[in-house]
Every structure is written in C-alpha cells, then in structure tokens.
Amino acid sequence: MQIAVVGTGYVGLVTGTCFAETGNNVICVDIDAAKVEKMKNGEVPIYEPHLDVLFERNIKQARLAFTTDLKSAIDKAQIIFLALPTPPGEDGSADLSYILNVAEELGKIITDYKVIIDKSTVPVGTAEKGTAAVDKHAT
C-alpha cells in the first residue's frame, strides 16, 4: 500500500514508521525543510523508545521516505493520514487551521480516489469541516 503521512511530529512520524514496518511504502510530508533533510539523513527528530531502530531499517529497505512536496507525496498515495498539530486556542478549543489548510491544498491537487484519515486530536465535527475544505477546491 502507498501511504502519505502529512506531519512528522510524534503522531505522524511514529505512525508513518510503523506503517512502513508492516510492509507499506510510506512518504512523510513536512513543511520544515531542515527537519525533512535531517530525516532523509537518518536523524530521528523525536524520542520514542526503539523508534530509531524501525526508522533506520525502513529507510534502508526503501519503505520510508520524506519530502516537503505535498503534491508528489499525494500523487503516489492511496491513503493520506493528516497528523497535524491542533494547539489549543485562547478559549481552549482546538486550532484546526493546520488541518483545514492542508485539506484545502489536497482539494487542489487530488486527481483520483484517495482515503483521507484525520489522525490528529480533533473535536467531533472536524471530519465534516475537512471534507468541506477538500471539496472547496476539488474538481
């Protein structure tokens, strides 16, 4: 299976690495070019017990890759995981701007059937907002 994971924080990087470990081809996308370059060079930017072993093994076996190019990652993927930050707003509610901005971008670039999964910590109703954001630009 071809999987794209958007976001390489704790949730995204662990998710992507574990999917690669189970035999899937995973490309992780992040907007931080310096972070992506470090991961391409085998550096794990977070600490999670034993993640480094899985990370290294799957890079060597060409099942785990990294990019800043959302379109190239999405074009190849059958499944897209959104693993983006949802920091609390001033009122304590989840800030969905990262998720909704990426959803809008996906609407601009998706040309065939994809399964989009929200892996972020979000409130009830976010899937509908995400769908609307994708649909806003979908052709």
N, C-alpha and C. Protein backbone atom coordinates (compact mmCIF):
# COMPACT_ATOMS: atom_id res chain seq x y z
N MET A 1 0.84 -1.18 0.00
CA MET A 1 0.00 0.00 0.00
C MET A 1 0.89 1.23 0.00
N GLN A 2 0.47 2.26 -0.69
CA GLN A 2 1.16 3.55 -0.73
C GLN A 2 0.46 4.51 0.22
N ILE A 3 1.19 4.99 1.22
CA ILE A 3 0.61 5.84 2.26
C ILE A 3 1.40 7.14 2.34
N ALA A 4 0.67 8.25 2.48
CA ALA A 4 1.29 9.55 2.77
C ALA A 4 0.86 9.96 4.17
N VAL A 5 1.82 10.44 4.94
CA VAL A 5 1.53 10.96 6.28
C VAL A 5 1.95 12.43 6.27
N VAL A 6 1.00 13.31 6.47
CA VAL A 6 1.27 14.74 6.46
C VAL A 6 1.47 15.20 7.89
N GLY A 7 2.71 15.61 8.19
CA GLY A 7 3.09 16.00 9.55
C GLY A 7 4.04 14.96 10.12
N THR A 8 5.17 15.42 10.65
CA THR A 8 6.16 14.46 11.18
C THR A 8 6.50 14.75 12.64
N GLY A 9 5.49 15.12 13.40
CA GLY A 9 5.67 15.23 14.84
C GLY A 9 5.57 13.84 15.45
N TYR A 10 5.28 13.76 16.73
CA TYR A 10 5.20 12.46 17.40
C TYR A 10 4.17 11.55 16.75
N VAL A 11 3.00 12.07 16.48
CA VAL A 11 1.95 11.23 15.91
C VAL A 11 2.31 10.80 14.49
N GLY A 12 2.68 11.74 13.64
CA GLY A 12 2.93 11.44 12.24
C GLY A 12 4.14 10.56 12.01
N LEU A 13 5.24 10.88 12.66
CA LEU A 13 6.46 10.11 12.42
C LEU A 13 6.34 8.68 12.95
N VAL A 14 5.75 8.52 14.12
CA VAL A 14 5.57 7.18 14.66
C VAL A 14 4.59 6.39 13.80
N THR A 15 3.50 7.02 13.40
CA THR A 15 2.52 6.36 12.54
C THR A 15 3.15 5.92 11.23
N GLY A 16 3.84 6.84 10.57
CA GLY A 16 4.47 6.52 9.29
C GLY A 16 5.51 5.42 9.40
N THR A 17 6.33 5.49 10.42
CA THR A 17 7.38 4.48 10.61
C THR A 17 6.76 3.11 10.88
N CYS A 18 5.73 3.07 11.69
CA CYS A 18 5.09 1.78 12.00
C CYS A 18 4.38 1.20 10.77
N PHE A 19 3.75 2.04 9.97
CA PHE A 19 3.14 1.52 8.73
C PHE A 19 4.21 0.99 7.79
N ALA A 20 5.35 1.64 7.73
CA ALA A 20 6.45 1.13 6.90
C ALA A 20 6.95 -0.21 7.44
N GLU A 21 7.03 -0.31 8.74
CA GLU A 21 7.49 -1.56 9.37
C GLU A 21 6.57 -2.73 9.04
N THR A 22 5.31 -2.46 8.78
CA THR A 22 4.38 -3.54 8.44
C THR A 22 4.33 -3.81 6.93
N GLY A 23 5.28 -3.22 6.18
CA GLY A 23 5.43 -3.53 4.77
C GLY A 23 4.85 -2.54 3.79
N ASN A 24 4.31 -1.44 4.27
CA ASN A 24 3.76 -0.42 3.39
C ASN A 24 4.85 0.54 2.93
N ASN A 25 4.63 1.18 1.80
CA ASN A 25 5.51 2.24 1.33
C ASN A 25 4.94 3.55 1.83
N VAL A 26 5.73 4.27 2.62
CA VAL A 26 5.25 5.48 3.29
C VAL A 26 6.12 6.66 2.92
N ILE A 27 5.48 7.76 2.58
CA ILE A 27 6.19 9.02 2.41
C ILE A 27 5.61 10.01 3.41
N CYS A 28 6.48 10.56 4.23
CA CYS A 28 6.08 11.53 5.24
C CYS A 28 6.36 12.93 4.71
N VAL A 29 5.40 13.81 4.88
CA VAL A 29 5.48 15.17 4.36
C VAL A 29 5.54 16.16 5.52
N ASP A 30 6.44 17.14 5.41
CA ASP A 30 6.50 18.20 6.41
C ASP A 30 6.91 19.48 5.71
N ILE A 31 6.48 20.62 6.25
CA ILE A 31 6.84 21.91 5.65
C ILE A 31 8.22 22.39 6.09
N ASP A 32 8.77 21.77 7.13
CA ASP A 32 10.07 22.16 7.66
C ASP A 32 11.18 21.46 6.88
N ALA A 33 11.76 22.19 5.92
CA ALA A 33 12.77 21.60 5.02
C ALA A 33 14.00 21.09 5.78
N ALA A 34 14.42 21.82 6.81
CA ALA A 34 15.59 21.38 7.58
C ALA A 34 15.31 20.06 8.30
N LYS A 35 14.13 19.94 8.85
CA LYS A 35 13.73 18.70 9.53
C LYS A 35 13.66 17.54 8.54
N VAL A 36 13.09 17.78 7.37
CA VAL A 36 12.99 16.73 6.34
C VAL A 36 14.39 16.29 5.91
N GLU A 37 15.29 17.23 5.73
CA GLU A 37 16.66 16.89 5.32
C GLU A 37 17.35 16.04 6.38
N LYS A 38 17.15 16.36 7.65
CA LYS A 38 17.73 15.57 8.73
C LYS A 38 17.18 14.14 8.72
N MET A 39 15.87 14.01 8.50
CA MET A 39 15.27 12.68 8.47
C MET A 39 15.78 11.89 7.27
N LYS A 40 15.94 12.55 6.13
CA LYS A 40 16.50 11.88 4.95
C LYS A 40 17.91 11.35 5.24
N ASN A 41 18.61 12.05 6.13
CA ASN A 41 19.97 11.64 6.50
C ASN A 41 19.98 10.67 7.69
N GLY A 42 18.81 10.17 8.07
CA GLY A 42 18.73 9.15 9.11
C GLY A 42 18.61 9.65 10.52
N GLU A 43 18.38 10.94 10.71
CA GLU A 43 18.26 11.50 12.04
C GLU A 43 16.79 11.55 12.48
N VAL A 44 16.51 10.92 13.60
CA VAL A 44 15.14 10.91 14.15
C VAL A 44 14.98 12.17 15.00
N PRO A 45 14.03 13.05 14.65
CA PRO A 45 13.92 14.33 15.36
C PRO A 45 13.17 14.28 16.69
N ILE A 46 12.63 13.13 17.05
CA ILE A 46 11.89 12.98 18.31
C ILE A 46 12.42 11.77 19.05
N TYR A 47 12.06 11.66 20.33
CA TYR A 47 12.43 10.46 21.06
C TYR A 47 11.18 9.64 21.33
N GLU A 48 11.23 8.43 20.89
CA GLU A 48 10.21 7.42 21.19
C GLU A 48 11.00 6.12 21.30
N PRO A 49 10.86 5.39 22.40
CA PRO A 49 11.67 4.19 22.58
C PRO A 49 11.64 3.27 21.36
N HIS A 50 12.81 2.92 20.86
CA HIS A 50 13.04 1.97 19.76
C HIS A 50 12.59 2.47 18.39
N LEU A 51 12.09 3.69 18.32
CA LEU A 51 11.70 4.24 17.02
C LEU A 51 12.89 4.33 16.08
N ASP A 52 14.05 4.66 16.62
CA ASP A 52 15.25 4.80 15.79
C ASP A 52 15.59 3.52 15.04
N VAL A 53 15.36 2.38 15.66
CA VAL A 53 15.65 1.09 15.01
C VAL A 53 14.71 0.87 13.83
N LEU A 54 13.43 1.08 14.05
CA LEU A 54 12.44 0.91 12.97
C LEU A 54 12.66 1.94 11.87
N PHE A 55 12.94 3.16 12.26
CA PHE A 55 13.18 4.26 11.33
C PHE A 55 14.33 3.90 10.38
N GLU A 56 15.46 3.53 10.96
CA GLU A 56 16.65 3.19 10.16
C GLU A 56 16.39 1.99 9.25
N ARG A 57 15.77 0.95 9.78
CA ARG A 57 15.52 -0.26 9.00
C ARG A 57 14.63 0.06 7.78
N ASN A 58 13.61 0.86 7.98
CA ASN A 58 12.67 1.11 6.89
C ASN A 58 13.19 2.11 5.87
N ILE A 59 14.07 3.00 6.28
CA ILE A 59 14.75 3.85 5.30
C ILE A 59 15.65 2.98 4.43
N LYS A 60 16.43 2.10 5.06
CA LYS A 60 17.34 1.22 4.31
C LYS A 60 16.58 0.31 3.36
N GLN A 61 15.39 -0.12 3.75
CA GLN A 61 14.60 -1.00 2.89
C GLN A 61 13.70 -0.23 1.92
N ALA A 62 13.91 1.08 1.86
CA ALA A 62 13.20 1.97 0.92
C ALA A 62 11.68 1.93 1.07
N ARG A 63 11.22 1.72 2.30
CA ARG A 63 9.78 1.77 2.56
C ARG A 63 9.38 3.07 3.26
N LEU A 64 10.36 3.87 3.68
CA LEU A 64 10.09 5.10 4.41
C LEU A 64 10.90 6.22 3.78
N ALA A 65 10.18 7.28 3.35
CA ALA A 65 10.84 8.41 2.71
C ALA A 65 10.23 9.71 3.23
N PHE A 66 10.89 10.83 2.92
CA PHE A 66 10.47 12.13 3.44
C PHE A 66 10.55 13.18 2.35
N THR A 67 9.62 14.14 2.42
CA THR A 67 9.59 15.21 1.43
C THR A 67 8.89 16.44 2.00
N THR A 68 9.13 17.56 1.34
CA THR A 68 8.36 18.78 1.62
C THR A 68 7.33 19.00 0.52
N ASP A 69 7.33 18.16 -0.49
CA ASP A 69 6.47 18.32 -1.67
C ASP A 69 5.17 17.55 -1.49
N LEU A 70 4.14 18.24 -1.03
CA LEU A 70 2.85 17.61 -0.77
C LEU A 70 2.30 16.93 -2.02
N LYS A 71 2.35 17.61 -3.15
CA LYS A 71 1.78 17.06 -4.37
C LYS A 71 2.42 15.73 -4.77
N SER A 72 3.74 15.66 -4.74
CA SER A 72 4.40 14.40 -5.15
C SER A 72 4.05 13.26 -4.20
N ALA A 73 3.91 13.56 -2.93
CA ALA A 73 3.56 12.52 -1.95
C ALA A 73 2.12 12.05 -2.17
N ILE A 74 1.22 12.99 -2.41
CA ILE A 74 -0.20 12.67 -2.56
C ILE A 74 -0.46 11.94 -3.87
N ASP A 75 0.24 12.33 -4.92
CA ASP A 75 0.03 11.68 -6.23
C ASP A 75 0.24 10.18 -6.14
N LYS A 76 1.19 9.74 -5.32
CA LYS A 76 1.53 8.32 -5.23
C LYS A 76 0.69 7.56 -4.18
N ALA A 77 0.07 8.31 -3.28
CA ALA A 77 -0.60 7.68 -2.13
C ALA A 77 -2.01 7.21 -2.45
N GLN A 78 -2.39 6.11 -1.82
CA GLN A 78 -3.77 5.64 -1.84
C GLN A 78 -4.50 6.10 -0.58
N ILE A 79 -3.72 6.21 0.50
CA ILE A 79 -4.26 6.63 1.79
C ILE A 79 -3.43 7.81 2.28
N ILE A 80 -4.11 8.83 2.81
CA ILE A 80 -3.44 10.02 3.32
C ILE A 80 -3.83 10.19 4.79
N PHE A 81 -2.84 10.21 5.66
CA PHE A 81 -3.07 10.47 7.07
C PHE A 81 -2.70 11.92 7.37
N LEU A 82 -3.61 12.65 7.98
CA LEU A 82 -3.32 14.01 8.43
C LEU A 82 -2.93 13.93 9.90
N ALA A 83 -1.66 14.16 10.17
CA ALA A 83 -1.14 14.09 11.53
C ALA A 83 -0.55 15.46 11.87
N LEU A 84 -1.44 16.42 11.96
CA LEU A 84 -1.03 17.81 12.10
C LEU A 84 -1.33 18.34 13.49
N PRO A 85 -0.62 19.40 13.88
CA PRO A 85 -0.85 19.96 15.21
C PRO A 85 -2.24 20.58 15.35
N THR A 86 -2.79 20.47 16.53
CA THR A 86 -4.07 21.10 16.87
C THR A 86 -3.90 21.81 18.22
N PRO A 87 -3.07 22.86 18.25
CA PRO A 87 -2.82 23.54 19.53
C PRO A 87 -4.09 24.19 20.06
N PRO A 88 -4.17 24.34 21.37
CA PRO A 88 -5.36 24.98 21.93
C PRO A 88 -5.39 26.47 21.61
N GLY A 89 -6.57 26.96 21.27
CA GLY A 89 -6.76 28.39 21.07
C GLY A 89 -6.86 29.10 22.42
N GLU A 90 -7.05 30.39 22.39
CA GLU A 90 -7.15 31.17 23.63
C GLU A 90 -8.31 30.71 24.50
N ASP A 91 -9.37 30.20 23.87
CA ASP A 91 -10.52 29.73 24.63
C ASP A 91 -10.44 28.24 24.98
N GLY A 92 -9.32 27.61 24.63
CA GLY A 92 -9.12 26.20 24.94
C GLY A 92 -9.57 25.25 23.85
N SER A 93 -10.23 25.76 22.83
CA SER A 93 -10.68 24.89 21.72
C SER A 93 -9.50 24.56 20.81
N ALA A 94 -9.63 23.47 20.08
CA ALA A 94 -8.56 23.03 19.18
C ALA A 94 -8.47 23.98 17.98
N ASP A 95 -7.25 24.40 17.68
CA ASP A 95 -6.99 25.22 16.49
C ASP A 95 -6.89 24.27 15.30
N LEU A 96 -7.88 24.30 14.43
CA LEU A 96 -7.93 23.38 13.29
C LEU A 96 -7.30 23.96 12.02
N SER A 97 -6.66 25.10 12.12
CA SER A 97 -6.16 25.78 10.92
C SER A 97 -5.16 24.93 10.14
N TYR A 98 -4.28 24.20 10.81
CA TYR A 98 -3.32 23.37 10.08
C TYR A 98 -4.03 22.29 9.26
N ILE A 99 -4.99 21.64 9.89
CA ILE A 99 -5.73 20.58 9.22
C ILE A 99 -6.54 21.13 8.06
N LEU A 100 -7.25 22.22 8.29
CA LEU A 100 -8.12 22.76 7.25
C LEU A 100 -7.31 23.35 6.09
N ASN A 101 -6.16 23.94 6.39
CA ASN A 101 -5.30 24.46 5.31
C ASN A 101 -4.77 23.33 4.44
N VAL A 102 -4.34 22.25 5.05
CA VAL A 102 -3.87 21.10 4.26
C VAL A 102 -5.03 20.49 3.50
N ALA A 103 -6.20 20.40 4.10
CA ALA A 103 -7.37 19.85 3.41
C ALA A 103 -7.68 20.66 2.15
N GLU A 104 -7.59 21.99 2.25
CA GLU A 104 -7.81 22.82 1.07
C GLU A 104 -6.77 22.54 -0.01
N GLU A 105 -5.52 22.39 0.40
CA GLU A 105 -4.45 22.07 -0.56
C GLU A 105 -4.71 20.72 -1.22
N LEU A 106 -5.18 19.76 -0.44
CA LEU A 106 -5.49 18.44 -1.01
C LEU A 106 -6.57 18.56 -2.07
N GLY A 107 -7.56 19.39 -1.83
CA GLY A 107 -8.63 19.58 -2.80
C GLY A 107 -8.11 20.11 -4.13
N LYS A 108 -7.04 20.87 -4.08
CA LYS A 108 -6.44 21.44 -5.30
C LYS A 108 -5.62 20.41 -6.08
N ILE A 109 -5.08 19.40 -5.38
CA ILE A 109 -4.12 18.52 -6.06
C ILE A 109 -4.58 17.07 -6.25
N ILE A 110 -5.60 16.65 -5.55
CA ILE A 110 -6.07 15.26 -5.71
C ILE A 110 -6.78 15.11 -7.05
N THR A 111 -6.38 14.10 -7.80
CA THR A 111 -6.98 13.87 -9.12
C THR A 111 -7.67 12.51 -9.23
N ASP A 112 -7.53 11.67 -8.20
CA ASP A 112 -8.19 10.37 -8.22
C ASP A 112 -8.61 10.01 -6.80
N TYR A 113 -9.21 8.86 -6.65
CA TYR A 113 -9.75 8.44 -5.36
C TYR A 113 -8.64 8.29 -4.32
N LYS A 114 -8.85 8.89 -3.15
CA LYS A 114 -7.95 8.79 -2.01
C LYS A 114 -8.78 8.64 -0.74
N VAL A 115 -8.25 7.93 0.21
CA VAL A 115 -8.85 7.86 1.54
C VAL A 115 -8.05 8.82 2.41
N ILE A 116 -8.75 9.77 3.02
CA ILE A 116 -8.10 10.75 3.89
C ILE A 116 -8.53 10.46 5.32
N ILE A 117 -7.53 10.28 6.18
CA ILE A 117 -7.78 9.94 7.58
C ILE A 117 -7.19 11.02 8.47
N ASP A 118 -7.99 11.54 9.36
CA ASP A 118 -7.54 12.55 10.29
C ASP A 118 -6.99 11.85 11.53
N LYS A 119 -5.68 11.88 11.68
CA LYS A 119 -5.01 11.22 12.80
C LYS A 119 -4.74 12.21 13.94
N SER A 120 -5.07 13.47 13.73
CA SER A 120 -4.82 14.49 14.73
C SER A 120 -5.87 14.42 15.84
N THR A 121 -5.58 15.05 16.96
CA THR A 121 -6.52 15.12 18.07
C THR A 121 -7.49 16.25 17.77
N VAL A 122 -8.70 15.89 17.41
CA VAL A 122 -9.67 16.90 16.97
C VAL A 122 -11.04 16.67 17.60
N PRO A 123 -11.84 17.72 17.66
CA PRO A 123 -13.19 17.57 18.21
C PRO A 123 -14.14 16.94 17.19
N VAL A 124 -15.27 16.47 17.70
CA VAL A 124 -16.33 15.93 16.85
C VAL A 124 -16.73 17.00 15.84
N GLY A 125 -16.93 16.59 14.60
CA GLY A 125 -17.34 17.52 13.55
C GLY A 125 -16.21 17.94 12.64
N THR A 126 -14.98 17.61 13.02
CA THR A 126 -13.84 18.03 12.22
C THR A 126 -13.82 17.33 10.86
N ALA A 127 -14.26 16.09 10.79
CA ALA A 127 -14.27 15.37 9.51
C ALA A 127 -15.15 16.11 8.49
N GLU A 128 -16.28 16.61 8.95
CA GLU A 128 -17.16 17.35 8.04
C GLU A 128 -16.50 18.64 7.58
N LYS A 129 -15.82 19.33 8.48
CA LYS A 129 -15.11 20.57 8.11
C LYS A 129 -13.98 20.26 7.14
N GLY A 130 -13.28 19.17 7.38
CA GLY A 130 -12.20 18.77 6.48
C GLY A 130 -12.71 18.41 5.10
N THR A 131 -13.82 17.69 5.06
CA THR A 131 -14.43 17.32 3.78
C THR A 131 -14.84 18.57 3.01
N ALA A 132 -15.44 19.52 3.70
CA ALA A 132 -15.84 20.77 3.05
C ALA A 132 -14.63 21.53 2.52
N ALA A 133 -13.53 21.52 3.27
CA ALA A 133 -12.31 22.20 2.82
C ALA A 133 -11.73 21.53 1.58
N VAL A 134 -11.73 20.20 1.53
CA VAL A 134 -11.27 19.48 0.33
C VAL A 134 -12.19 19.81 -0.83
N ASP A 135 -13.49 19.70 -0.61
CA ASP A 135 -14.48 19.92 -1.67
C ASP A 135 -14.45 21.32 -2.23
N LYS A 136 -14.03 22.27 -1.42
CA LYS A 136 -13.99 23.69 -1.83
C LYS A 136 -13.16 23.89 -3.10
N HIS A 137 -12.12 23.10 -3.27
CA HIS A 137 -11.22 23.25 -4.41
C HIS A 137 -11.19 22.04 -5.33
N ALA A 138 -11.92 20.99 -5.00
CA ALA A 138 -11.90 19.76 -5.80
C ALA A 138 -12.58 20.01 -7.15
N THR A 139 -12.05 19.34 -8.15
CA THR A 139 -12.64 19.49 -9.49
C THR A 139 -13.42 18.26 -9.87
